[in-house]
Protein backbone atom coordinates (compact mmCIF):
# COMPACT_ATOMS: atom_id res chain seq x y z
CA MET A 1 -145.83 -98.75 2.54
CA LYS A 2 -146.30 -102.35 3.70
CA ASN A 3 -148.35 -103.05 6.74
CA GLN A 4 -146.21 -104.45 9.57
CA GLU A 5 -149.11 -106.77 10.60
CA GLU A 6 -148.83 -108.89 7.44
CA LEU A 7 -146.16 -110.28 5.15
CA GLN A 8 -146.27 -109.26 1.49
CA THR A 9 -145.09 -111.92 -0.99
CA GLU A 10 -144.95 -111.43 -4.73
CA SER A 11 -147.03 -113.69 -6.98
CA PRO A 12 -145.34 -114.43 -10.32
CA ALA A 13 -148.67 -115.48 -11.82
CA ALA A 14 -150.25 -112.08 -11.18
CA GLY A 15 -147.44 -109.89 -12.52
CA ASP A 16 -144.55 -107.97 -11.05
CA GLY A 17 -146.59 -105.64 -8.91
CA ALA A 18 -149.09 -108.11 -7.50
CA THR A 19 -148.67 -109.25 -3.91
CA ILE A 20 -150.36 -111.79 -1.64
CA ALA A 21 -150.77 -111.02 2.03
CA VAL A 22 -149.86 -113.85 4.38
CA SER A 23 -150.45 -113.55 8.08
CA PRO A 24 -147.31 -114.06 10.19
CA HIS A 25 -149.39 -116.39 12.40
CA LYS A 26 -150.35 -118.51 9.38
CA GLN A 27 -146.78 -118.57 8.09
CA SER A 28 -145.43 -119.68 11.48
CA TRP A 29 -148.09 -122.42 11.71
CA LEU A 30 -147.25 -123.77 8.24
CA HIS A 31 -143.56 -123.94 9.12
CA SER A 32 -143.99 -125.13 12.69
CA ARG A 33 -142.38 -128.35 13.87
CA ARG A 34 -145.75 -129.77 14.87
CA PHE A 35 -147.16 -129.29 11.36
CA ARG A 36 -144.13 -130.86 9.68
CA ARG A 37 -143.99 -133.87 11.99
CA GLN A 38 -147.65 -134.63 12.73
CA ILE A 39 -149.79 -133.25 9.92
CA MET A 40 -147.65 -133.19 6.78
CA PRO A 41 -147.00 -136.99 6.79
CA TRP A 42 -150.75 -137.60 6.84
CA LEU A 43 -151.19 -135.27 3.88
CA PHE A 44 -148.70 -137.34 1.89
CA ILE A 45 -150.29 -140.70 2.72
CA ALA A 46 -153.87 -139.48 2.44
CA PRO A 47 -154.27 -140.41 -1.27
CA ILE A 48 -152.98 -143.97 -0.86
CA THR A 49 -154.96 -144.35 2.38
CA LEU A 50 -158.14 -143.33 0.58
CA LEU A 51 -157.36 -145.76 -2.22
CA HIS A 52 -156.75 -148.53 0.34
CA LEU A 53 -160.08 -147.82 2.01
CA VAL A 54 -161.93 -148.01 -1.30
CA VAL A 55 -160.11 -151.01 -2.81
CA VAL A 56 -159.29 -153.13 0.27
CA VAL A 57 -161.20 -152.15 3.39
CA GLY A 58 -164.53 -151.59 1.65
CA PRO A 59 -164.63 -154.97 -0.13
CA SER A 60 -163.38 -156.68 3.04
CA VAL A 61 -166.22 -155.29 5.12
CA ALA A 62 -168.68 -156.16 2.35
CA GLY A 63 -167.29 -159.71 2.22
CA MET A 64 -167.77 -160.11 5.97
CA TYR A 65 -171.37 -158.98 5.65
CA TYR A 66 -172.20 -161.17 2.65
CA SER A 67 -170.67 -164.19 4.40
CA LEU A 68 -173.60 -163.92 6.80
CA THR A 69 -176.17 -163.88 4.01
CA GLU A 70 -177.67 -166.10 1.37
CA TRP A 71 -176.93 -164.23 -1.83
CA SER A 72 -176.61 -165.21 -5.47
CA GLY A 73 -174.46 -162.21 -6.36
CA ILE A 74 -177.42 -160.40 -7.92
CA GLY A 75 -180.28 -158.75 -6.14
CA LYS A 76 -180.98 -158.49 -2.44
CA ALA A 77 -179.08 -160.57 0.09
CA GLU A 78 -180.99 -162.46 2.79
CA PHE A 79 -179.36 -162.41 6.22
CA VAL A 80 -178.88 -165.92 7.62
CA GLY A 81 -176.36 -165.33 10.41
CA LEU A 82 -173.75 -168.05 10.88
CA ASP A 83 -175.58 -170.69 8.83
CA ASN A 84 -172.97 -170.56 6.06
CA PHE A 85 -170.15 -171.28 8.50
CA ARG A 86 -172.13 -174.02 10.22
CA GLU A 87 -172.68 -175.70 6.86
CA LEU A 88 -169.03 -175.25 5.93
CA PHE A 89 -167.53 -176.93 8.97
CA PHE A 90 -170.20 -179.50 9.86
CA GLU A 91 -172.00 -180.46 6.65
CA ASP A 92 -169.94 -179.65 3.56
CA ARG A 93 -167.60 -182.58 2.91
CA ASN A 94 -166.24 -180.93 -0.22
CA PHE A 95 -165.05 -177.97 1.82
CA LEU A 96 -163.37 -180.23 4.36
CA LEU A 97 -161.74 -182.16 1.51
CA ALA A 98 -160.43 -178.92 -0.01
CA LEU A 99 -159.13 -177.84 3.39
CA ARG A 100 -157.37 -181.19 3.74
CA HIS A 101 -155.73 -180.70 0.34
CA ASN A 102 -154.53 -177.24 1.37
CA LEU A 103 -152.97 -178.71 4.51
CA MET A 104 -151.21 -181.34 2.40
CA TRP A 105 -150.05 -178.57 0.06
CA LEU A 106 -148.78 -176.63 3.09
CA ALA A 107 -146.82 -179.63 4.38
CA PHE A 108 -145.22 -180.15 0.98
CA PHE A 109 -144.20 -176.53 0.38
CA LEU A 110 -142.81 -176.06 3.87
CA THR A 111 -140.41 -178.96 3.36
CA VAL A 112 -139.45 -179.90 -0.20
CA PRO A 113 -138.77 -176.46 -1.77
CA PHE A 114 -137.06 -175.21 1.38
CA ALA A 115 -134.74 -178.22 1.49
CA MET A 116 -133.94 -177.85 -2.22
CA ALA A 117 -133.39 -174.09 -1.95
CA LEU A 118 -131.13 -174.35 1.12
CA ALA A 119 -129.04 -177.13 -0.42
CA VAL A 120 -128.50 -175.41 -3.77
CA ALA A 121 -127.93 -171.98 -2.20
CA THR A 122 -125.25 -173.48 0.04
CA LEU A 123 -123.51 -175.01 -2.97
CA LEU A 124 -123.82 -171.88 -5.13
CA ALA A 125 -122.39 -169.72 -2.35
CA GLN A 126 -119.05 -171.43 -3.05
CA VAL A 127 -119.21 -170.86 -6.83
CA ARG A 128 -117.34 -167.89 -8.22
CA ILE A 129 -117.13 -168.52 -12.00
CA GLY A 130 -120.45 -168.41 -13.86
CA SER A 131 -122.51 -168.02 -10.70
CA MET A 132 -124.67 -165.24 -12.17
CA ALA A 133 -125.64 -167.38 -15.17
CA ILE A 134 -126.54 -170.29 -12.89
CA ARG A 135 -128.64 -168.08 -10.62
CA THR A 136 -130.45 -166.60 -13.60
CA ALA A 137 -131.23 -170.05 -14.96
CA PHE A 138 -132.77 -171.11 -11.65
CA PHE A 139 -134.69 -167.83 -11.26
CA ILE A 140 -136.23 -167.67 -14.77
CA PRO A 141 -139.09 -170.12 -14.01
CA TYR A 142 -140.31 -167.82 -11.23
CA VAL A 143 -140.74 -164.80 -13.51
CA LEU A 144 -142.63 -166.74 -16.18
CA PRO A 145 -146.43 -166.26 -16.09
CA SER A 146 -148.26 -169.09 -14.38
CA VAL A 147 -150.46 -169.58 -17.45
CA VAL A 148 -147.37 -170.22 -19.59
CA VAL A 149 -145.75 -172.56 -17.06
CA ALA A 150 -148.94 -174.55 -16.47
CA SER A 151 -149.65 -174.86 -20.19
CA ILE A 152 -146.14 -176.14 -20.89
CA TRP A 153 -146.29 -178.72 -18.14
CA ARG A 154 -149.78 -179.82 -19.13
CA MET A 155 -148.35 -180.76 -22.53
CA LEU A 156 -145.28 -182.39 -20.98
CA LEU A 157 -147.46 -184.51 -18.68
CA ASP A 158 -149.82 -185.53 -21.47
CA PRO A 159 -149.85 -189.37 -21.64
CA ARG A 160 -150.05 -189.29 -25.45
CA LEU A 161 -147.71 -186.43 -26.41
CA GLY A 162 -145.64 -185.69 -23.31
CA PHE A 163 -142.15 -186.58 -22.15
CA GLY A 164 -143.31 -190.03 -21.02
CA VAL A 165 -143.97 -191.07 -24.64
CA ALA A 166 -140.56 -189.74 -25.71
CA LEU A 167 -138.84 -191.67 -22.92
CA GLU A 168 -140.69 -194.83 -23.89
CA ASN A 169 -139.40 -194.43 -27.43
CA TRP A 170 -135.89 -194.35 -25.93
CA GLY A 171 -136.52 -197.54 -23.99
CA ILE A 172 -137.52 -196.07 -20.58
CA LYS A 173 -140.92 -197.56 -19.82
CA GLY A 174 -143.65 -196.64 -17.34
CA LEU A 175 -143.64 -192.84 -17.50
CA ALA A 176 -146.38 -192.35 -20.12
CA TYR A 177 -149.01 -192.02 -17.43
CA PRO A 178 -151.97 -189.59 -17.04
CA TYR A 179 -150.63 -187.93 -13.91
CA LEU A 180 -153.17 -185.11 -14.07
CA GLY A 181 -156.03 -187.46 -14.88
CA ASP A 182 -155.54 -189.87 -12.00
CA LYS A 183 -157.06 -188.83 -8.67
CA ASN A 184 -154.15 -190.50 -6.86
CA THR A 185 -151.47 -188.42 -8.60
CA ALA A 186 -153.20 -185.19 -9.71
CA LEU A 187 -152.44 -183.17 -6.58
CA ALA A 188 -148.82 -184.34 -6.46
CA ALA A 189 -148.35 -183.51 -10.15
CA ILE A 190 -149.67 -179.97 -9.63
CA ALA A 191 -147.42 -179.52 -6.59
CA PHE A 192 -144.46 -180.64 -8.68
CA VAL A 193 -145.24 -178.05 -11.35
CA ASP A 194 -145.74 -175.26 -8.80
CA ASN A 195 -142.56 -176.21 -6.99
CA TRP A 196 -140.64 -176.15 -10.29
CA HIS A 197 -141.33 -172.44 -10.59
CA TRP A 198 -141.18 -171.59 -6.86
CA TRP A 199 -138.05 -173.12 -5.34
CA GLY A 200 -135.64 -171.06 -7.47
CA PHE A 201 -137.05 -167.88 -5.96
CA LEU A 202 -136.44 -169.24 -2.46
CA MET A 203 -132.92 -170.22 -3.45
CA ILE A 204 -132.09 -166.68 -4.60
CA LEU A 205 -133.39 -165.21 -1.33
CA PHE A 206 -131.40 -167.67 0.78
CA LEU A 207 -128.28 -167.14 -1.31
CA THR A 208 -128.54 -163.38 -0.90
CA ALA A 209 -128.92 -163.78 2.85
CA MET A 210 -125.93 -166.13 2.99
CA GLN A 211 -123.72 -163.63 1.18
CA SER A 212 -124.46 -161.04 3.88
CA ILE A 213 -122.97 -163.28 6.63
CA PRO A 214 -119.51 -161.97 7.64
CA SER A 215 -116.74 -164.21 6.37
CA ASP A 216 -114.99 -163.85 9.74
CA LEU A 217 -117.55 -166.22 11.25
CA TYR A 218 -116.63 -168.94 8.77
CA ASP A 219 -112.92 -168.34 9.38
CA ALA A 220 -113.44 -168.68 13.11
CA ALA A 221 -115.43 -171.88 12.62
CA LYS A 222 -112.63 -173.35 10.48
CA ILE A 223 -110.06 -172.47 13.12
CA ASP A 224 -112.18 -174.30 15.68
CA GLY A 225 -112.13 -177.37 13.44
CA ALA A 226 -115.71 -177.22 12.13
CA ASN A 227 -116.53 -179.16 8.98
CA ARG A 228 -118.92 -178.02 6.22
CA TRP A 229 -121.99 -179.50 7.94
CA GLN A 230 -121.13 -177.85 11.25
CA GLU A 231 -120.55 -174.53 9.49
CA PHE A 232 -123.98 -174.84 7.91
CA LEU A 233 -125.69 -175.65 11.22
CA HIS A 234 -123.91 -173.14 13.47
CA VAL A 235 -123.05 -170.28 11.11
CA THR A 236 -125.18 -170.34 7.95
CA LEU A 237 -128.56 -171.24 9.43
CA PRO A 238 -128.39 -168.71 12.31
CA GLY A 239 -127.26 -166.06 9.84
CA ILE A 240 -130.21 -166.54 7.48
CA ARG A 241 -132.78 -167.41 10.15
CA PRO A 242 -134.86 -164.20 9.76
CA THR A 243 -135.15 -164.79 6.02
CA VAL A 244 -136.07 -168.46 6.49
CA PHE A 245 -138.75 -167.74 9.10
CA PHE A 246 -140.25 -164.92 7.07
CA MET A 247 -140.48 -167.09 3.97
CA LEU A 248 -141.96 -169.92 6.05
CA MET A 249 -144.74 -167.57 7.10
CA MET A 250 -145.33 -166.24 3.59
CA THR A 251 -145.29 -169.73 2.10
CA ALA A 252 -147.79 -170.89 4.71
CA ILE A 253 -150.12 -168.03 3.80
CA TRP A 254 -149.71 -168.54 0.05
CA SER A 255 -150.37 -172.27 0.46
CA PHE A 256 -153.96 -171.44 1.43
CA LEU A 257 -154.37 -169.02 -1.49
CA VAL A 258 -153.14 -171.29 -4.31
CA PHE A 259 -155.45 -171.09 -7.30
CA ASP A 260 -153.84 -170.55 -10.69
CA TYR A 261 -151.92 -173.78 -11.21
CA VAL A 262 -154.75 -175.94 -9.87
CA TRP A 263 -157.36 -174.21 -11.98
CA ILE A 264 -155.36 -174.24 -15.21
CA LEU A 265 -154.24 -177.86 -14.91
CA THR A 266 -157.24 -179.71 -13.44
CA HIS A 267 -160.00 -177.28 -12.34
CA GLY A 268 -159.87 -179.13 -9.03
CA GLY A 269 -160.44 -182.54 -10.57
CA PRO A 270 -160.59 -185.35 -11.24
CA ALA A 271 -163.47 -186.03 -8.83
CA GLY A 272 -162.31 -183.24 -6.52
CA SER A 273 -158.94 -184.91 -5.89
CA SER A 274 -157.07 -181.63 -6.37
CA GLU A 275 -159.76 -179.24 -5.10
CA MET A 276 -158.42 -176.30 -3.10
CA LEU A 277 -160.19 -173.70 -0.99
CA ALA A 278 -159.64 -171.02 -3.64
CA THR A 279 -160.96 -173.16 -6.50
CA TYR A 280 -163.91 -174.28 -4.39
CA LEU A 281 -164.68 -170.65 -3.57
CA TYR A 282 -164.58 -169.75 -7.26
CA LYS A 283 -166.97 -172.55 -8.17
CA GLN A 284 -169.42 -171.63 -5.43
CA ALA A 285 -169.44 -167.92 -6.23
CA PHE A 286 -169.21 -167.83 -10.03
CA GLN A 287 -170.50 -171.19 -11.25
CA ARG A 288 -173.18 -172.09 -8.71
CA PHE A 289 -174.00 -168.43 -7.94
CA GLU A 290 -173.82 -168.90 -4.18
CA ALA A 291 -171.88 -165.72 -3.53
CA GLY A 292 -172.76 -165.57 0.15
CA TYR A 293 -171.45 -169.08 0.68
CA GLY A 294 -168.34 -168.23 -1.33
CA ALA A 295 -167.80 -165.15 0.85
CA ALA A 296 -167.88 -167.41 3.92
CA ILE A 297 -165.14 -169.55 2.37
CA GLY A 298 -163.12 -166.41 1.64
CA ILE A 299 -163.48 -165.16 5.21
CA THR A 300 -162.31 -168.56 6.46
CA MET A 301 -159.23 -168.36 4.23
CA SER A 302 -158.52 -164.84 5.50
CA ALA A 303 -158.83 -166.04 9.10
CA ILE A 304 -156.31 -168.82 8.46
CA ALA A 305 -153.88 -166.33 6.91
CA GLY A 306 -154.43 -164.04 9.90
CA VAL A 307 -153.52 -166.86 12.29
CA MET A 308 -150.29 -167.44 10.37
CA ALA A 309 -149.35 -163.76 10.56
CA THR A 310 -150.29 -163.58 14.25
CA ILE A 311 -147.97 -166.46 15.08
CA PHE A 312 -145.15 -164.61 13.35
CA VAL A 313 -145.87 -161.39 15.29
CA LEU A 314 -146.04 -163.24 18.62
CA LEU A 315 -142.70 -164.90 17.96
CA ARG A 316 -141.12 -161.51 17.27
CA ARG A 317 -142.57 -160.06 20.47
CA ARG A 318 -141.14 -162.95 22.45
CA GLY A 319 -137.71 -162.01 21.22
CA TRP A 320 -137.28 -164.53 18.39
CA ASP A 321 -134.98 -163.30 15.66
CA VAL A 322 -137.55 -163.81 12.88
């Protein structure tokens, strides 16, 4: 006879006659609303939270500590306080030059690719036949690996074998120029290559946002006598504003993290004319073995990205539809 103080449940692993006693109090606690709503979610996210602590939070805290030290990456680190940051902002001209290049990169990528993406997305929104093929063609450069894209463009921009030589053979002179080898054009050439792969992704996002705008708004604008430009200003832009502002923030953050195209094409040269914060960090940490100084550069980059994200959050709290 079963005891009324406990609940007998059969265990298939132990055979037909085996039972496991479960206290009614324990059973009610496991199925309580408080357990399901407050404790069970934490049990599900515990593994990924632990992984985040080990992979992200731990290295971040270590980076903050090593930014305050003089450390070669091997052996014991010597604590020097804020000396690394003082040297960065008041003595290191190469760092200030790299920061200036990142600001120029930011100005370029917040204007040129956005203008191109908005213009082409607006035109493609009117296309019905073959639109998927056109979108795919514009999107393919984004999914190509950066190593492949940079290698292709390095050959195309070669002054001896690139497209400039081919155009000269066809009678178009003046384009066989070492764009990546001239300190006056290296940064612009890299920005052109990066933009070639980036703007199509922006265009797809803007086009998707445009297609979610109710057509009734455009019909109402036409009834009111609005032309295409007025429709774009008063219907399209307000409709895709959250997407545009979000991508402005992400592009601003990514502009301070650019590394791959610069490193593959010029390694920051010639003569530091295309040096970026990320490439300068890499050289300090892994070529000159000044890991503590490199950590200070990394913390500075993280602080800049944090400022960008904070601006976005403040705008949302003030009621901006971003």
